[in-house]
Amino acid sequence: MEKLQQYQQIIRDVIAEEAHPYCHSNDVETAMIFDTEHDRYQLTYIGWEAQQRIFNVILHLDIKDGKIWIQYNGTETAIAKVLTDKGVPASDIVLGFHSPFKRQFSGYALA
């Protein structure tokens, strides 16, 4: 259980570090979503820019079977590197946005 709680905190920290105000409209909220019951975590922009609806997922991470899955990374930051810098072993990081075939070349976990 300690590892799970550690990974949950690391993910919350990473998302908080990546959470920047939306710079094109004051009517768009930067939302950090932490679902610790299902271990799903997102950073999103939600709101309106003039007459345009804004709903963008910026970052999505899950914890599954004791590993952190990077499901989507819309930032310019190498999130997997950030996670390893924070103490998560590469063997506990899955690049979920890559196909299972491509993951074998990543240096991170396959699944």
C-alpha atoms as a PDB file:
ATOM      1  CA  MET A   1       0.000   0.000   0.000  1.00  0.00           C
ATOM      2  CA  GLU A   2       2.897   2.343   0.687  1.00  0.00           C
ATOM      3  CA  LYS A   3       4.066   2.198  -2.944  1.00  0.00           C
ATOM      4  CA  LEU A   4       0.551   3.037  -4.171  1.00  0.00           C
ATOM      5  CA  GLN A   5       0.322   6.062  -1.893  1.00  0.00           C
ATOM      6  CA  GLN A   6       3.794   7.186  -2.968  1.00  0.00           C
ATOM      7  CA  TYR A   7       2.840   6.931  -6.658  1.00  0.00           C
ATOM      8  CA  GLN A   8      -0.433   8.772  -6.043  1.00  0.00           C
ATOM      9  CA  GLN A   9       1.465  11.646  -4.417  1.00  0.00           C
ATOM     10  CA  ILE A  10       4.102  11.750  -7.156  1.00  0.00           C
ATOM     11  CA  ILE A  11       1.380  11.946  -9.823  1.00  0.00           C
ATOM     12  CA  ARG A  12      -0.422  14.729  -7.943  1.00  0.00           C
ATOM     13  CA  ASP A  13       2.881  16.627  -7.717  1.00  0.00           C
ATOM     14  CA  VAL A  14       3.625  16.171 -11.437  1.00  0.00           C
ATOM     15  CA  ILE A  15       0.158  17.359 -12.452  1.00  0.00           C
ATOM     16  CA  ALA A  16       0.388  20.370 -10.129  1.00  0.00           C
ATOM     17  CA  GLU A  17       3.761  21.271 -11.659  1.00  0.00           C
ATOM     18  CA  GLU A  18       2.288  21.089 -15.179  1.00  0.00           C
ATOM     19  CA  ALA A  19      -0.907  22.995 -14.315  1.00  0.00           C
ATOM     20  CA  HIS A  20      -0.638  26.443 -15.892  1.00  0.00           C
ATOM     21  CA  PRO A  21      -3.443  28.957 -16.338  1.00  0.00           C
ATOM     22  CA  TYR A  22      -5.071  28.975 -19.746  1.00  0.00           C
ATOM     23  CA  CYS A  23      -3.643  32.111 -21.327  1.00  0.00           C
ATOM     24  CA  HIS A  24      -6.242  32.853 -24.034  1.00  0.00           C
ATOM     25  CA  SER A  25      -9.357  33.367 -21.894  1.00  0.00           C
ATOM     26  CA  ASN A  26     -10.250  34.052 -18.284  1.00  0.00           C
ATOM     27  CA  ASP A  27     -13.302  31.824 -18.773  1.00  0.00           C
ATOM     28  CA  VAL A  28     -11.248  28.627 -19.088  1.00  0.00           C
ATOM     29  CA  GLU A  29     -10.430  26.726 -15.917  1.00  0.00           C
ATOM     30  CA  THR A  30      -7.325  24.613 -15.400  1.00  0.00           C
ATOM     31  CA  ALA A  31      -8.689  21.486 -13.698  1.00  0.00           C
ATOM     32  CA  MET A  32      -6.597  18.940 -11.844  1.00  0.00           C
ATOM     33  CA  ILE A  33      -8.639  15.758 -11.461  1.00  0.00           C
ATOM     34  CA  PHE A  34      -7.444  13.220  -8.900  1.00  0.00           C
ATOM     35  CA  ASP A  35      -9.561  10.057  -8.709  1.00  0.00           C
ATOM     36  CA  THR A  36      -7.704   8.082  -6.051  1.00  0.00           C
ATOM     37  CA  GLU A  37     -10.500   5.498  -5.796  1.00  0.00           C
ATOM     38  CA  HIS A  38      -9.954   4.351  -9.400  1.00  0.00           C
ATOM     39  CA  ASP A  39      -6.375   5.715  -9.721  1.00  0.00           C
ATOM     40  CA  ARG A  40      -7.062   7.995 -12.686  1.00  0.00           C
ATOM     41  CA  TYR A  41      -5.497  11.434 -12.868  1.00  0.00           C
ATOM     42  CA  GLN A  42      -5.966  14.217 -15.417  1.00  0.00           C
ATOM     43  CA  LEU A  43      -5.024  17.772 -16.133  1.00  0.00           C
ATOM     44  CA  THR A  44      -7.600  19.500 -18.343  1.00  0.00           C
ATOM     45  CA  TYR A  45      -8.726  22.893 -19.616  1.00  0.00           C
ATOM     46  CA  ILE A  46     -12.488  23.412 -19.384  1.00  0.00           C
ATOM     47  CA  GLY A  47     -14.532  26.490 -20.287  1.00  0.00           C
ATOM     48  CA  TRP A  48     -15.201  28.990 -23.055  1.00  0.00           C
ATOM     49  CA  GLU A  49     -12.997  31.117 -25.282  1.00  0.00           C
ATOM     50  CA  ALA A  50     -15.343  33.643 -26.899  1.00  0.00           C
ATOM     51  CA  GLN A  51     -18.022  31.391 -28.508  1.00  0.00           C
ATOM     52  CA  GLN A  52     -15.740  28.346 -28.647  1.00  0.00           C
ATOM     53  CA  ARG A  53     -16.105  25.525 -26.100  1.00  0.00           C
ATOM     54  CA  ILE A  54     -12.763  24.450 -24.677  1.00  0.00           C
ATOM     55  CA  PHE A  55     -12.305  20.959 -23.278  1.00  0.00           C
ATOM     56  CA  ASN A  56      -8.742  19.741 -23.650  1.00  0.00           C
ATOM     57  CA  VAL A  57      -7.068  16.895 -21.841  1.00  0.00           C
ATOM     58  CA  ILE A  58      -3.471  17.943 -21.264  1.00  0.00           C
ATOM     59  CA  LEU A  59      -2.220  14.994 -19.242  1.00  0.00           C
ATOM     60  CA  HIS A  60      -3.745  11.635 -18.267  1.00  0.00           C
ATOM     61  CA  LEU A  61      -2.079   9.079 -15.998  1.00  0.00           C
ATOM     62  CA  ASP A  62      -3.423   5.888 -14.414  1.00  0.00           C
ATOM     63  CA  ILE A  63      -2.054   3.487 -11.840  1.00  0.00           C
ATOM     64  CA  LYS A  64      -2.744  -0.113 -12.877  1.00  0.00           C
ATOM     65  CA  ASP A  65      -1.247  -3.234 -11.348  1.00  0.00           C
ATOM     66  CA  GLY A  66       1.332  -1.197  -9.423  1.00  0.00           C
ATOM     67  CA  LYS A  67       2.575   0.694 -12.470  1.00  0.00           C
ATOM     68  CA  ILE A  68       2.065   4.251 -13.660  1.00  0.00           C
ATOM     69  CA  TRP A  69       0.538   4.333 -17.125  1.00  0.00           C
ATOM     70  CA  ILE A  70       1.046   7.530 -19.097  1.00  0.00           C
ATOM     71  CA  GLN A  71      -2.104   7.421 -21.222  1.00  0.00           C
ATOM     72  CA  TYR A  72      -1.723  10.878 -22.775  1.00  0.00           C
ATOM     73  CA  ASN A  73       0.899  13.607 -22.605  1.00  0.00           C
ATOM     74  CA  GLY A  74      -0.029  16.838 -24.345  1.00  0.00           C
ATOM     75  CA  THR A  75       2.769  18.782 -22.654  1.00  0.00           C
ATOM     76  CA  GLU A  76       6.269  19.519 -23.890  1.00  0.00           C
ATOM     77  CA  THR A  77       7.654  17.823 -20.775  1.00  0.00           C
ATOM     78  CA  ALA A  78       9.013  14.277 -20.881  1.00  0.00           C
ATOM     79  CA  ILE A  79       6.698  13.037 -18.119  1.00  0.00           C
ATOM     80  CA  ALA A  80       8.316   9.592 -17.945  1.00  0.00           C
ATOM     81  CA  LYS A  81      11.683  11.268 -17.252  1.00  0.00           C
ATOM     82  CA  VAL A  82      10.090  13.458 -14.584  1.00  0.00           C
ATOM     83  CA  LEU A  83       8.656  10.345 -12.940  1.00  0.00           C
ATOM     84  CA  THR A  84      12.031   8.584 -12.927  1.00  0.00           C
ATOM     85  CA  ASP A  85      13.665  11.741 -11.533  1.00  0.00           C
ATOM     86  CA  LYS A  86      11.120  11.568  -8.691  1.00  0.00           C
ATOM     87  CA  GLY A  87      12.109   7.988  -7.874  1.00  0.00           C
ATOM     88  CA  VAL A  88       9.756   5.851  -9.961  1.00  0.00           C
ATOM     89  CA  PRO A  89      11.731   3.005 -11.573  1.00  0.00           C
ATOM     90  CA  ALA A  90      11.452   2.795 -15.369  1.00  0.00           C
ATOM     91  CA  SER A  91      10.129  -0.760 -14.872  1.00  0.00           C
ATOM     92  CA  ASP A  92       7.043   0.774 -13.183  1.00  0.00           C
ATOM     93  CA  ILE A  93       6.237   3.219 -16.006  1.00  0.00           C
ATOM     94  CA  VAL A  94       4.199   2.211 -19.056  1.00  0.00           C
ATOM     95  CA  LEU A  95       3.927   4.482 -22.087  1.00  0.00           C
ATOM     96  CA  GLY A  96       0.283   3.658 -22.706  1.00  0.00           C
ATOM     97  CA  PHE A  97       0.103   6.047 -25.658  1.00  0.00           C
ATOM     98  CA  HIS A  98       2.468   3.742 -27.576  1.00  0.00           C
ATOM     99  CA  SER A  99       1.301   0.460 -29.096  1.00  0.00           C
ATOM    100  CA  PRO A 100       2.322  -2.682 -27.201  1.00  0.00           C
ATOM    101  CA  PHE A 101       4.766  -3.484 -30.024  1.00  0.00           C
ATOM    102  CA  LYS A 102       6.464  -0.094 -29.838  1.00  0.00           C
ATOM    103  CA  ARG A 103       6.781  -0.168 -26.007  1.00  0.00           C
ATOM    104  CA  GLN A 104       9.500  -2.825 -26.193  1.00  0.00           C
ATOM    105  CA  PHE A 105      11.870  -0.201 -27.588  1.00  0.00           C
ATOM    106  CA  SER A 106      11.063   2.524 -25.031  1.00  0.00           C
ATOM    107  CA  GLY A 107      13.217   1.477 -22.084  1.00  0.00           C
ATOM    108  CA  TYR A 108      10.089   1.438 -19.915  1.00  0.00           C
ATOM    109  CA  ALA A 109       7.681  -1.344 -18.907  1.00  0.00           C
ATOM    110  CA  LEU A 110       5.690  -3.212 -21.545  1.00  0.00           C
ATOM    111  CA  ALA A 111       2.554  -3.425 -19.405  1.00  0.00           C
END
